Amino acid sequence: MSGKKVLITGGFGNLGSWISEYLDNLGYIVFILSKNIKDSPYNIIQADITDINELKEKLDIDFDYVIHTASYNEFFHNNYAKKALLVNSLGSRNLIEILKDKHIKKFIYLSTFHIYGENSGVITEDTIPNPENDYASTHLFAEYYLKQFYATHKFPSTIFRLTNSYGTPKSIDSNKWYLVLNDLVKSAFIDNKIILNSNGKAIRDFIYMGDVCKVIEKSLSLQEHQILNLSSNQTHSILYIANKVKFVYKQRYDKNIEIILNNNDTTLSNSLTVDNSRLKKIIDIKFSNKFEYEINNIFDLLELNNGR
């Protein structure tokens, strides 16, 4: 796919940086849309997606594909609801408005399975959305905008409802160290123990970021407007992840570390299936279990930067 231009919003982010590197290695010409400038081998477009006039000025380029990963997901920040609405919903609409007449071949939107509002049972694309927080609601609003513009302009989009992706941050300066795997490895590295805020029984669908990148690249050729669950259909408990970190720590440092559970948490183990059969019917992909590999890589990153 050499020479094809792809715009990645949020290309410096946790997942966006993985996608940028992956597509660059395949020969795509990568453009990153970001509010902040960083040293990068890619083409950088500095713009705020909440400012439609700035977007009009900066996006005067004929892209072949657009992958929209930019979102404001730090729900623990002050005034999160307003910021999330401006970035995740209105910002997404601004992008679509600017790009709708650019004749792009595909617009990929990374939404979230949290729009379903379910953490147990079987979740398919036909499960009725029932968002329970601003993070989920604002991503669902963006989905509705894509549905709207497909109806009015045949805007060529695919929506992926992503589960819990994991992979080593591309930079020690990542702002996603609070994500489960990153947090547990950093806790083990710095504190020589793992402290869980829960009893560890909660089940989640975890998907390797390398697999996410493969799916996204393969999906660029999809023609129809589609909504697809992007999951591994492999669920693990938080305690399972913690024990993986403990195992790798023992291998690397020849020391045992303690896993401290929150025994006041009465959460029961749940049954969860985020069904990906619709995705696998149209994209040939075999999902991986890369926990130990990525745990080692995260330890490498922390060692290289003295755990900061």
C-alpha atoms as a PDB file:
ATOM      1  CA  MET A   1       0.000   0.000   0.000  1.00  0.00           C
ATOM      2  CA  SER A   2       3.003   2.245  -0.597  1.00  0.00           C
ATOM      3  CA  GLY A   3       2.219   5.902  -1.209  1.00  0.00           C
ATOM      4  CA  LYS A   4      -1.291   5.936   0.256  1.00  0.00           C
ATOM      5  CA  LYS A   5      -1.892   8.894   2.561  1.00  0.00           C
ATOM      6  CA  VAL A   6      -3.451   8.124   5.944  1.00  0.00           C
ATOM      7  CA  LEU A   7      -4.440  10.683   8.560  1.00  0.00           C
ATOM      8  CA  ILE A   8      -4.368   9.407  12.146  1.00  0.00           C
ATOM      9  CA  THR A   9      -5.998  11.674  14.705  1.00  0.00           C
ATOM     10  CA  GLY A  10      -4.504  11.220  18.146  1.00  0.00           C
ATOM     11  CA  GLY A  11      -1.512   9.586  16.495  1.00  0.00           C
ATOM     12  CA  PHE A  12       0.686  10.296  19.508  1.00  0.00           C
ATOM     13  CA  GLY A  13      -1.775   8.610  21.851  1.00  0.00           C
ATOM     14  CA  ASN A  14      -1.613   5.182  23.420  1.00  0.00           C
ATOM     15  CA  LEU A  15      -3.212   3.275  20.534  1.00  0.00           C
ATOM     16  CA  GLY A  16      -2.649   5.913  17.866  1.00  0.00           C
ATOM     17  CA  SER A  17       1.127   5.620  18.237  1.00  0.00           C
ATOM     18  CA  TRP A  18       0.920   1.861  17.616  1.00  0.00           C
ATOM     19  CA  ILE A  19      -1.207   2.382  14.500  1.00  0.00           C
ATOM     20  CA  SER A  20       1.082   5.136  13.183  1.00  0.00           C
ATOM     21  CA  GLU A  21       4.168   2.944  13.503  1.00  0.00           C
ATOM     22  CA  TYR A  22       2.432  -0.106  12.037  1.00  0.00           C
ATOM     23  CA  LEU A  23       1.148   1.670   8.933  1.00  0.00           C
ATOM     24  CA  ASP A  24       4.411   3.533   8.429  1.00  0.00           C
ATOM     25  CA  ASN A  25       6.237   0.195   8.373  1.00  0.00           C
ATOM     26  CA  LEU A  26       3.830  -0.995   5.660  1.00  0.00           C
ATOM     27  CA  GLY A  27       4.666   1.986   3.450  1.00  0.00           C
ATOM     28  CA  TYR A  28       1.725   4.292   4.103  1.00  0.00           C
ATOM     29  CA  ILE A  29       2.433   8.036   4.200  1.00  0.00           C
ATOM     30  CA  VAL A  30       1.406   8.821   7.769  1.00  0.00           C
ATOM     31  CA  PHE A  31      -0.010  12.179   8.835  1.00  0.00           C
ATOM     32  CA  ILE A  32      -0.739  12.788  12.506  1.00  0.00           C
ATOM     33  CA  LEU A  33      -3.341  15.303  13.634  1.00  0.00           C
ATOM     34  CA  SER A  34      -2.507  16.499  17.128  1.00  0.00           C
ATOM     35  CA  LYS A  35      -3.130  19.509  19.317  1.00  0.00           C
ATOM     36  CA  ASN A  36       0.444  19.206  20.583  1.00  0.00           C
ATOM     37  CA  ILE A  37       3.668  18.993  18.600  1.00  0.00           C
ATOM     38  CA  LYS A  38       6.277  16.313  19.299  1.00  0.00           C
ATOM     39  CA  ASP A  39       9.449  15.152  17.586  1.00  0.00           C
ATOM     40  CA  SER A  40       8.270  12.579  15.099  1.00  0.00           C
ATOM     41  CA  PRO A  41       9.266  10.896  11.825  1.00  0.00           C
ATOM     42  CA  TYR A  42       5.712  11.436  10.559  1.00  0.00           C
ATOM     43  CA  ASN A  43       3.977  14.405   8.948  1.00  0.00           C
ATOM     44  CA  ILE A  44       2.478  16.483  11.751  1.00  0.00           C
ATOM     45  CA  ILE A  45      -0.643  18.613  11.430  1.00  0.00           C
ATOM     46  CA  GLN A  46      -1.147  20.752  14.515  1.00  0.00           C
ATOM     47  CA  ALA A  47      -4.818  21.480  15.059  1.00  0.00           C
ATOM     48  CA  ASP A  48      -7.540  21.300  17.676  1.00  0.00           C
ATOM     49  CA  ILE A  49     -10.464  19.148  16.510  1.00  0.00           C
ATOM     50  CA  THR A  50     -12.852  21.297  18.545  1.00  0.00           C
ATOM     51  CA  ASP A  51     -11.995  24.265  16.266  1.00  0.00           C
ATOM     52  CA  ILE A  52     -13.701  23.665  12.919  1.00  0.00           C
ATOM     53  CA  ASN A  53     -12.174  26.739  11.278  1.00  0.00           C
ATOM     54  CA  GLU A  54      -8.676  25.596  12.156  1.00  0.00           C
ATOM     55  CA  LEU A  55      -9.477  22.146  10.779  1.00  0.00           C
ATOM     56  CA  LYS A  56     -10.674  23.646   7.487  1.00  0.00           C
ATOM     57  CA  GLU A  57      -7.373  25.436   7.129  1.00  0.00           C
ATOM     58  CA  LYS A  58      -5.105  22.567   8.173  1.00  0.00           C
ATOM     59  CA  LEU A  59      -6.838  19.625   6.466  1.00  0.00           C
ATOM     60  CA  ASP A  60      -6.604  20.919   2.920  1.00  0.00           C
ATOM     61  CA  ILE A  61      -4.929  17.654   1.876  1.00  0.00           C
ATOM     62  CA  ASP A  62      -6.298  14.739  -0.142  1.00  0.00           C
ATOM     63  CA  PHE A  63      -6.065  11.785   2.233  1.00  0.00           C
ATOM     64  CA  ASP A  64      -6.854   8.264   1.136  1.00  0.00           C
ATOM     65  CA  TYR A  65      -7.824   7.101   4.632  1.00  0.00           C
ATOM     66  CA  VAL A  66      -8.571   8.598   8.037  1.00  0.00           C
ATOM     67  CA  ILE A  67      -8.264   6.715  11.325  1.00  0.00           C
ATOM     68  CA  HIS A  68      -9.885   8.645  14.163  1.00  0.00           C
ATOM     69  CA  THR A  69      -8.461   7.656  17.550  1.00  0.00           C
ATOM     70  CA  ALA A  70      -8.369  11.100  19.189  1.00  0.00           C
ATOM     71  CA  SER A  71     -10.598  11.273  22.242  1.00  0.00           C
ATOM     72  CA  TYR A  72     -10.687  12.695  25.723  1.00  0.00           C
ATOM     73  CA  ASN A  73     -11.015   9.743  28.085  1.00  0.00           C
ATOM     74  CA  GLU A  74      -9.481  10.958  31.350  1.00  0.00           C
ATOM     75  CA  PHE A  75     -12.758  10.726  33.271  1.00  0.00           C
ATOM     76  CA  PHE A  76     -10.988  11.525  36.548  1.00  0.00           C
ATOM     77  CA  HIS A  77     -10.146  15.074  35.402  1.00  0.00           C
ATOM     78  CA  ASN A  78     -12.187  18.073  36.515  1.00  0.00           C
ATOM     79  CA  ASN A  79     -14.979  19.165  34.169  1.00  0.00           C
ATOM     80  CA  TYR A  80     -14.655  15.899  32.258  1.00  0.00           C
ATOM     81  CA  ALA A  81     -18.238  15.839  30.966  1.00  0.00           C
ATOM     82  CA  LYS A  82     -17.904  19.122  29.069  1.00  0.00           C
ATOM     83  CA  LYS A  83     -14.441  18.355  27.697  1.00  0.00           C
ATOM     84  CA  ALA A  84     -15.475  14.880  26.566  1.00  0.00           C
ATOM     85  CA  LEU A  85     -18.539  16.259  24.790  1.00  0.00           C
ATOM     86  CA  LEU A  86     -16.462  18.899  23.005  1.00  0.00           C
ATOM     87  CA  VAL A  87     -13.695  16.523  21.914  1.00  0.00           C
ATOM     88  CA  ASN A  88     -15.329  13.121  21.513  1.00  0.00           C
ATOM     89  CA  SER A  89     -18.661  14.225  20.067  1.00  0.00           C
ATOM     90  CA  LEU A  90     -18.407  17.705  18.567  1.00  0.00           C
ATOM     91  CA  GLY A  91     -14.750  17.206  17.599  1.00  0.00           C
ATOM     92  CA  SER A  92     -15.684  14.051  15.711  1.00  0.00           C
ATOM     93  CA  ARG A  93     -18.496  15.880  13.935  1.00  0.00           C
ATOM     94  CA  ASN A  94     -16.110  18.666  12.948  1.00  0.00           C
ATOM     95  CA  LEU A  95     -13.789  16.133  11.348  1.00  0.00           C
ATOM     96  CA  ILE A  96     -16.614  14.478   9.442  1.00  0.00           C
ATOM     97  CA  GLU A  97     -17.945  17.842   8.283  1.00  0.00           C
ATOM     98  CA  ILE A  98     -14.546  18.832   6.888  1.00  0.00           C
ATOM     99  CA  LEU A  99     -13.808  15.448   5.309  1.00  0.00           C
ATOM    100  CA  LYS A 100     -17.199  14.600   3.826  1.00  0.00           C
ATOM    101  CA  ASP A 101     -16.385  16.200   0.466  1.00  0.00           C
ATOM    102  CA  LYS A 102     -12.743  15.046   0.308  1.00  0.00           C
ATOM    103  CA  HIS A 103     -13.516  11.736  -1.432  1.00  0.00           C
ATOM    104  CA  ILE A 104     -11.635   9.672   1.138  1.00  0.00           C
ATOM    105  CA  LYS A 105     -11.854   5.915   0.682  1.00  0.00           C
ATOM    106  CA  LYS A 106     -12.479   5.026   4.341  1.00  0.00           C
ATOM    107  CA  PHE A 107     -12.963   6.733   7.710  1.00  0.00           C
ATOM    108  CA  ILE A 108     -12.250   4.435  10.669  1.00  0.00           C
ATOM    109  CA  TYR A 109     -13.648   5.413  14.065  1.00  0.00           C
ATOM    110  CA  LEU A 110     -12.374   3.822  17.273  1.00  0.00           C
ATOM    111  CA  SER A 111     -15.402   3.789  19.520  1.00  0.00           C
ATOM    112  CA  THR A 112     -15.765   1.673  22.665  1.00  0.00           C
ATOM    113  CA  PHE A 113     -17.716  -1.390  23.772  1.00  0.00           C
ATOM    114  CA  HIS A 114     -18.670   0.659  26.844  1.00  0.00           C
ATOM    115  CA  ILE A 115     -21.478   2.201  24.781  1.00  0.00           C
ATOM    116  CA  TYR A 116     -23.400  -1.016  25.538  1.00  0.00           C
ATOM    117  CA  GLY A 117     -23.306  -0.341  29.279  1.00  0.00           C
ATOM    118  CA  GLU A 118     -22.821  -4.051  29.927  1.00  0.00           C
ATOM    119  CA  ASN A 119     -19.982  -5.884  31.693  1.00  0.00           C
ATOM    120  CA  SER A 120     -21.449  -9.359  31.656  1.00  0.00           C
ATOM    121  CA  GLY A 121     -23.386 -11.676  29.392  1.00  0.00           C
ATOM    122  CA  VAL A 122     -23.073 -11.894  25.611  1.00  0.00           C
ATOM    123  CA  ILE A 123     -22.592  -8.600  23.774  1.00  0.00           C
ATOM    124  CA  THR A 124     -23.133  -8.456  20.018  1.00  0.00           C
ATOM    125  CA  GLU A 125     -23.459  -5.507  17.654  1.00  0.00           C
ATOM    126  CA  ASP A 126     -27.228  -5.943  17.964  1.00  0.00           C
ATOM    127  CA  THR A 127     -27.114  -5.345  21.734  1.00  0.00           C
ATOM    128  CA  ILE A 128     -28.983  -2.095  22.378  1.00  0.00           C
ATOM    129  CA  PRO A 129     -26.619   0.670  23.521  1.00  0.00           C
ATOM    130  CA  ASN A 130     -27.194   1.790  27.097  1.00  0.00           C
ATOM    131  CA  PRO A 131     -24.265   4.057  28.037  1.00  0.00           C
ATOM    132  CA  GLU A 132     -23.787   4.581  31.754  1.00  0.00           C
ATOM    133  CA  ASN A 133     -21.193   7.364  31.803  1.00  0.00           C
ATOM    134  CA  ASP A 134     -19.970  10.363  29.805  1.00  0.00           C
ATOM    135  CA  TYR A 135     -17.101   8.395  28.295  1.00  0.00           C
ATOM    136  CA  ALA A 136     -19.563   5.982  26.688  1.00  0.00           C
ATOM    137  CA  SER A 137     -22.239   8.546  25.829  1.00  0.00           C
ATOM    138  CA  THR A 138     -19.884  10.905  24.009  1.00  0.00           C
ATOM    139  CA  HIS A 139     -18.475   8.073  21.887  1.00  0.00           C
ATOM    140  CA  LEU A 140     -22.001   6.939  21.049  1.00  0.00           C
ATOM    141  CA  PHE A 141     -22.883  10.494  19.984  1.00  0.00           C
ATOM    142  CA  ALA A 142     -19.934  10.353  17.561  1.00  0.00           C
ATOM    143  CA  GLU A 143     -21.286   7.067  16.179  1.00  0.00           C
ATOM    144  CA  TYR A 144     -24.636   8.760  15.558  1.00  0.00           C
ATOM    145  CA  TYR A 145     -22.911  11.544  13.636  1.00  0.00           C
ATOM    146  CA  LEU A 146     -21.268   8.951  11.396  1.00  0.00           C
ATOM    147  CA  LYS A 147     -24.623   7.256  10.865  1.00  0.00           C
ATOM    148  CA  GLN A 148     -26.144  10.650  10.049  1.00  0.00           C
ATOM    149  CA  PHE A 149     -23.474  11.544   7.489  1.00  0.00           C
ATOM    150  CA  TYR A 150     -23.663   8.113   5.888  1.00  0.00           C
ATOM    151  CA  ALA A 151     -27.387   8.668   5.367  1.00  0.00           C
ATOM    152  CA  THR A 152     -26.935  12.168   3.927  1.00  0.00           C
ATOM    153  CA  HIS A 153     -23.572  11.929   2.143  1.00  0.00           C
ATOM    154  CA  LYS A 154     -22.720   8.202   1.943  1.00  0.00           C
ATOM    155  CA  PHE A 155     -19.681   9.025   4.070  1.00  0.00           C
ATOM    156  CA  PRO A 156     -17.599   5.799   3.974  1.00  0.00           C
ATOM    157  CA  SER A 157     -17.042   4.829   7.589  1.00  0.00           C
ATOM    158  CA  THR A 158     -16.416   1.775   9.733  1.00  0.00           C
ATOM    159  CA  ILE A 159     -16.987   1.949  13.487  1.00  0.00           C
ATOM    160  CA  PHE A 160     -15.042  -0.349  15.780  1.00  0.00           C
ATOM    161  CA  ARG A 161     -16.346  -0.838  19.305  1.00  0.00           C
ATOM    162  CA  LEU A 162     -13.039  -1.604  20.969  1.00  0.00           C
ATOM    163  CA  THR A 163     -12.606  -3.548  24.193  1.00  0.00           C
ATOM    164  CA  ASN A 164      -9.553  -3.257  26.494  1.00  0.00           C
ATOM    165  CA  SER A 165      -6.457  -2.981  24.307  1.00  0.00           C
ATOM    166  CA  TYR A 166      -3.022  -3.577  25.808  1.00  0.00           C
ATOM    167  CA  GLY A 167       0.536  -3.014  24.653  1.00  0.00           C
ATOM    168  CA  THR A 168       3.722  -1.287  25.751  1.00  0.00           C
ATOM    169  CA  PRO A 169       3.551   2.527  25.610  1.00  0.00           C
ATOM    170  CA  LYS A 170       5.677   3.893  22.768  1.00  0.00           C
ATOM    171  CA  SER A 171       7.050   6.496  25.191  1.00  0.00           C
ATOM    172  CA  ILE A 172       7.755   6.689  28.905  1.00  0.00           C
ATOM    173  CA  ASP A 173       5.881  10.008  28.799  1.00  0.00           C
ATOM    174  CA  SER A 174       2.605   8.261  27.970  1.00  0.00           C
ATOM    175  CA  ASN A 175      -0.372   9.521  29.971  1.00  0.00           C
ATOM    176  CA  LYS A 176      -1.902   6.029  30.011  1.00  0.00           C
ATOM    177  CA  TRP A 177       0.046   4.443  32.829  1.00  0.00           C
ATOM    178  CA  TYR A 178      -3.249   4.055  34.696  1.00  0.00           C
ATOM    179  CA  LEU A 179      -4.369   1.332  32.242  1.00  0.00           C
ATOM    180  CA  VAL A 180      -4.496  -2.093  33.877  1.00  0.00           C
ATOM    181  CA  LEU A 181      -1.427  -3.827  32.451  1.00  0.00           C
ATOM    182  CA  ASN A 182       0.741  -0.687  32.481  1.00  0.00           C
ATOM    183  CA  ASP A 183      -0.266   0.102  36.059  1.00  0.00           C
ATOM    184  CA  LEU A 184       0.355  -3.398  37.399  1.00  0.00           C
ATOM    185  CA  VAL A 185       3.814  -3.656  35.805  1.00  0.00           C
ATOM    186  CA  LYS A 186       4.821  -0.213  37.030  1.00  0.00           C
ATOM    187  CA  SER A 187       3.583  -1.057  40.526  1.00  0.00           C
ATOM    188  CA  ALA A 188       5.664  -4.240  40.534  1.00  0.00           C
ATOM    189  CA  PHE A 189       8.729  -2.403  39.215  1.00  0.00           C
ATOM    190  CA  ILE A 190       8.611   0.540  41.625  1.00  0.00           C
ATOM    191  CA  ASP A 191       6.989  -0.909  44.752  1.00  0.00           C
ATOM    192  CA  ASN A 192       8.029  -4.575  44.431  1.00  0.00           C
ATOM    193  CA  LYS A 193       4.429  -5.540  45.026  1.00  0.00           C
ATOM    194  CA  ILE A 194       1.084  -5.378  43.247  1.00  0.00           C
ATOM    195  CA  ILE A 195      -1.825  -3.679  44.978  1.00  0.00           C
ATOM    196  CA  LEU A 196      -5.270  -4.182  43.442  1.00  0.00           C
ATOM    197  CA  ASN A 197      -8.113  -1.785  44.177  1.00  0.00           C
ATOM    198  CA  SER A 198     -10.486  -4.734  43.787  1.00  0.00           C
ATOM    199  CA  ASN A 199     -10.649  -8.416  44.662  1.00  0.00           C
ATOM    200  CA  GLY A 200      -9.411  -9.167  41.144  1.00  0.00           C
ATOM    201  CA  LYS A 201     -12.420 -11.235  40.108  1.00  0.00           C
ATOM    202  CA  ALA A 202     -13.815  -8.857  37.474  1.00  0.00           C
ATOM    203  CA  ILE A 203     -13.578 -10.273  33.941  1.00  0.00           C
ATOM    204  CA  ARG A 204     -12.622  -8.191  30.907  1.00  0.00           C
ATOM    205  CA  ASP A 205     -12.033  -8.799  27.233  1.00  0.00           C
ATOM    206  CA  PHE A 206      -8.406  -7.860  26.506  1.00  0.00           C
ATOM    207  CA  ILE A 207      -7.075  -7.405  22.973  1.00  0.00           C
ATOM    208  CA  TYR A 208      -3.461  -7.003  21.890  1.00  0.00           C
ATOM    209  CA  MET A 209      -2.721  -3.672  20.190  1.00  0.00           C
ATOM    210  CA  GLY A 210      -0.744  -5.406  17.469  1.00  0.00           C
ATOM    211  CA  ASP A 211      -3.910  -7.301  16.527  1.00  0.00           C
ATOM    212  CA  VAL A 212      -5.916  -4.063  16.595  1.00  0.00           C
ATOM    213  CA  CYS A 213      -3.450  -2.564  14.102  1.00  0.00           C
ATOM    214  CA  LYS A 214      -3.790  -5.577  11.796  1.00  0.00           C
ATOM    215  CA  VAL A 215      -7.589  -5.390  11.848  1.00  0.00           C
ATOM    216  CA  ILE A 216      -7.614  -1.662  11.142  1.00  0.00           C
ATOM    217  CA  GLU A 217      -5.251  -1.991   8.178  1.00  0.00           C
ATOM    218  CA  LYS A 218      -7.264  -4.850   6.719  1.00  0.00           C
ATOM    219  CA  SER A 219     -10.502  -2.890   7.209  1.00  0.00           C
ATOM    220  CA  LEU A 220      -9.375   0.012   5.019  1.00  0.00           C
ATOM    221  CA  SER A 221     -10.684  -1.882   1.987  1.00  0.00           C
ATOM    222  CA  LEU A 222     -14.149  -2.547   3.436  1.00  0.00           C
ATOM    223  CA  GLN A 223     -16.859  -0.929   1.341  1.00  0.00           C
ATOM    224  CA  GLU A 224     -20.034  -0.861   3.404  1.00  0.00           C
ATOM    225  CA  HIS A 225     -20.773   1.314   6.424  1.00  0.00           C
ATOM    226  CA  GLN A 226     -20.387  -1.102   9.316  1.00  0.00           C
ATOM    227  CA  ILE A 227     -20.326  -1.297  13.092  1.00  0.00           C
ATOM    228  CA  LEU A 228     -18.090  -4.069  14.411  1.00  0.00           C
ATOM    229  CA  ASN A 229     -17.033  -5.284  17.831  1.00  0.00           C
ATOM    230  CA  LEU A 230     -13.233  -5.188  17.976  1.00  0.00           C
ATOM    231  CA  SER A 231     -12.564  -7.759  20.660  1.00  0.00           C
ATOM    232  CA  SER A 232     -10.418 -10.845  21.078  1.00  0.00           C
ATOM    233  CA  ASN A 233     -13.318 -12.893  22.461  1.00  0.00           C
ATOM    234  CA  GLN A 234     -10.790 -13.884  25.145  1.00  0.00           C
ATOM    235  CA  THR A 235     -11.671 -12.843  28.687  1.00  0.00           C
ATOM    236  CA  HIS A 236      -9.393 -12.760  31.715  1.00  0.00           C
ATOM    237  CA  SER A 237      -9.738 -11.617  35.287  1.00  0.00           C
ATOM    238  CA  ILE A 238      -7.693  -8.756  36.710  1.00  0.00           C
ATOM    239  CA  LEU A 239      -6.124 -11.290  39.080  1.00  0.00           C
ATOM    240  CA  TYR A 240      -5.048 -13.371  36.059  1.00  0.00           C
ATOM    241  CA  ILE A 241      -3.222 -10.308  34.683  1.00  0.00           C
ATOM    242  CA  ALA A 242      -1.645  -9.602  38.076  1.00  0.00           C
ATOM    243  CA  ASN A 243      -0.377 -13.190  38.279  1.00  0.00           C
ATOM    244  CA  LYS A 244       1.127 -12.867  34.790  1.00  0.00           C
ATOM    245  CA  VAL A 245       3.035  -9.795  35.984  1.00  0.00           C
ATOM    246  CA  LYS A 246       4.154 -11.682  39.098  1.00  0.00           C
ATOM    247  CA  PHE A 247       5.364 -14.610  36.971  1.00  0.00           C
ATOM    248  CA  VAL A 248       7.389 -12.419  34.609  1.00  0.00           C
ATOM    249  CA  TYR A 249       8.824 -10.461  37.550  1.00  0.00           C
ATOM    250  CA  LYS A 250      10.042 -13.717  39.100  1.00  0.00           C
ATOM    251  CA  GLN A 251      11.641 -14.758  35.807  1.00  0.00           C
ATOM    252  CA  ARG A 252      13.410 -11.429  35.317  1.00  0.00           C
ATOM    253  CA  TYR A 253      14.520 -10.575  38.838  1.00  0.00           C
ATOM    254  CA  ASP A 254      14.454 -13.940  40.622  1.00  0.00           C
ATOM    255  CA  LYS A 255      12.234 -12.492  43.349  1.00  0.00           C
ATOM    256  CA  ASN A 256       8.721 -13.241  44.482  1.00  0.00           C
ATOM    257  CA  ILE A 257       6.337 -10.329  44.926  1.00  0.00           C
ATOM    258  CA  GLU A 258       3.054 -10.140  46.796  1.00  0.00           C
ATOM    259  CA  ILE A 259      -0.331  -9.455  45.214  1.00  0.00           C
ATOM    260  CA  ILE A 260      -2.462  -7.504  47.695  1.00  0.00           C
ATOM    261  CA  LEU A 261      -6.206  -7.724  47.114  1.00  0.00           C
ATOM    262  CA  ASN A 262      -8.958  -5.439  48.333  1.00  0.00           C
ATOM    263  CA  ASN A 263     -10.899  -7.904  50.479  1.00  0.00           C
ATOM    264  CA  ASN A 264     -13.640  -5.346  51.070  1.00  0.00           C
ATOM    265  CA  ASP A 265     -14.634  -5.654  47.438  1.00  0.00           C
ATOM    266  CA  THR A 266     -17.565  -8.068  47.154  1.00  0.00           C
ATOM    267  CA  THR A 267     -17.619  -8.152  43.325  1.00  0.00           C
ATOM    268  CA  LEU A 268     -18.387 -11.623  41.984  1.00  0.00           C
ATOM    269  CA  SER A 269     -16.713 -13.211  38.997  1.00  0.00           C
ATOM    270  CA  ASN A 270     -18.759 -12.402  35.909  1.00  0.00           C
ATOM    271  CA  SER A 271     -19.314 -14.148  32.600  1.00  0.00           C
ATOM    272  CA  LEU A 272     -18.576 -11.909  29.613  1.00  0.00           C
ATOM    273  CA  THR A 273     -18.452 -12.472  25.864  1.00  0.00           C
ATOM    274  CA  VAL A 274     -17.890  -9.533  23.515  1.00  0.00           C
ATOM    275  CA  ASP A 275     -18.763 -11.391  20.347  1.00  0.00           C
ATOM    276  CA  ASN A 276     -16.476 -10.760  17.353  1.00  0.00           C
ATOM    277  CA  SER A 277     -17.975 -13.280  14.929  1.00  0.00           C
ATOM    278  CA  ARG A 278     -19.237 -10.555  12.589  1.00  0.00           C
ATOM    279  CA  LEU A 279     -15.717  -9.131  12.350  1.00  0.00           C
ATOM    280  CA  LYS A 280     -14.108 -12.532  11.724  1.00  0.00           C
ATOM    281  CA  LYS A 281     -16.520 -13.260   8.879  1.00  0.00           C
ATOM    282  CA  ILE A 282     -15.109 -10.369   6.861  1.00  0.00           C
ATOM    283  CA  ILE A 283     -11.523 -10.024   8.164  1.00  0.00           C
ATOM    284  CA  ASP A 284      -9.094 -12.928   8.414  1.00  0.00           C
ATOM    285  CA  ILE A 285      -7.449 -12.500  11.831  1.00  0.00           C
ATOM    286  CA  LYS A 286      -6.255 -14.793  14.593  1.00  0.00           C
ATOM    287  CA  PHE A 287      -6.081 -13.041  17.944  1.00  0.00           C
ATOM    288  CA  SER A 288      -2.993 -13.394  20.138  1.00  0.00           C
ATOM    289  CA  ASN A 289      -2.200 -13.685  23.823  1.00  0.00           C
ATOM    290  CA  LYS A 290       0.843 -11.423  24.213  1.00  0.00           C
ATOM    291  CA  PHE A 291       0.662 -10.649  27.918  1.00  0.00           C
ATOM    292  CA  GLU A 292       4.048 -12.050  28.912  1.00  0.00           C
ATOM    293  CA  TYR A 293       5.739 -10.538  25.853  1.00  0.00           C
ATOM    294  CA  GLU A 294       4.316  -7.074  26.542  1.00  0.00           C
ATOM    295  CA  ILE A 295       4.952  -7.290  30.295  1.00  0.00           C
ATOM    296  CA  ASN A 296       8.616  -7.870  29.515  1.00  0.00           C
ATOM    297  CA  ASN A 297       8.596  -4.935  27.104  1.00  0.00           C
ATOM    298  CA  ILE A 298       7.050  -2.651  29.726  1.00  0.00           C
ATOM    299  CA  PHE A 299       9.704  -3.704  32.244  1.00  0.00           C
ATOM    300  CA  ASP A 300      12.336  -2.931  29.579  1.00  0.00           C
ATOM    301  CA  LEU A 301      10.872   0.545  29.075  1.00  0.00           C
ATOM    302  CA  LEU A 302      10.818   1.230  32.822  1.00  0.00           C
ATOM    303  CA  GLU A 303      14.390  -0.003  33.264  1.00  0.00           C
ATOM    304  CA  LEU A 304      15.593   2.174  30.409  1.00  0.00           C
ATOM    305  CA  ASN A 305      14.006   5.222  32.033  1.00  0.00           C
ATOM    306  CA  ASN A 306      14.616   4.275  35.687  1.00  0.00           C
ATOM    307  CA  GLY A 307      10.919   3.755  36.281  1.00  0.00           C
ATOM    308  CA  ARG A 308       9.942   7.400  36.010  1.00  0.00           C
END
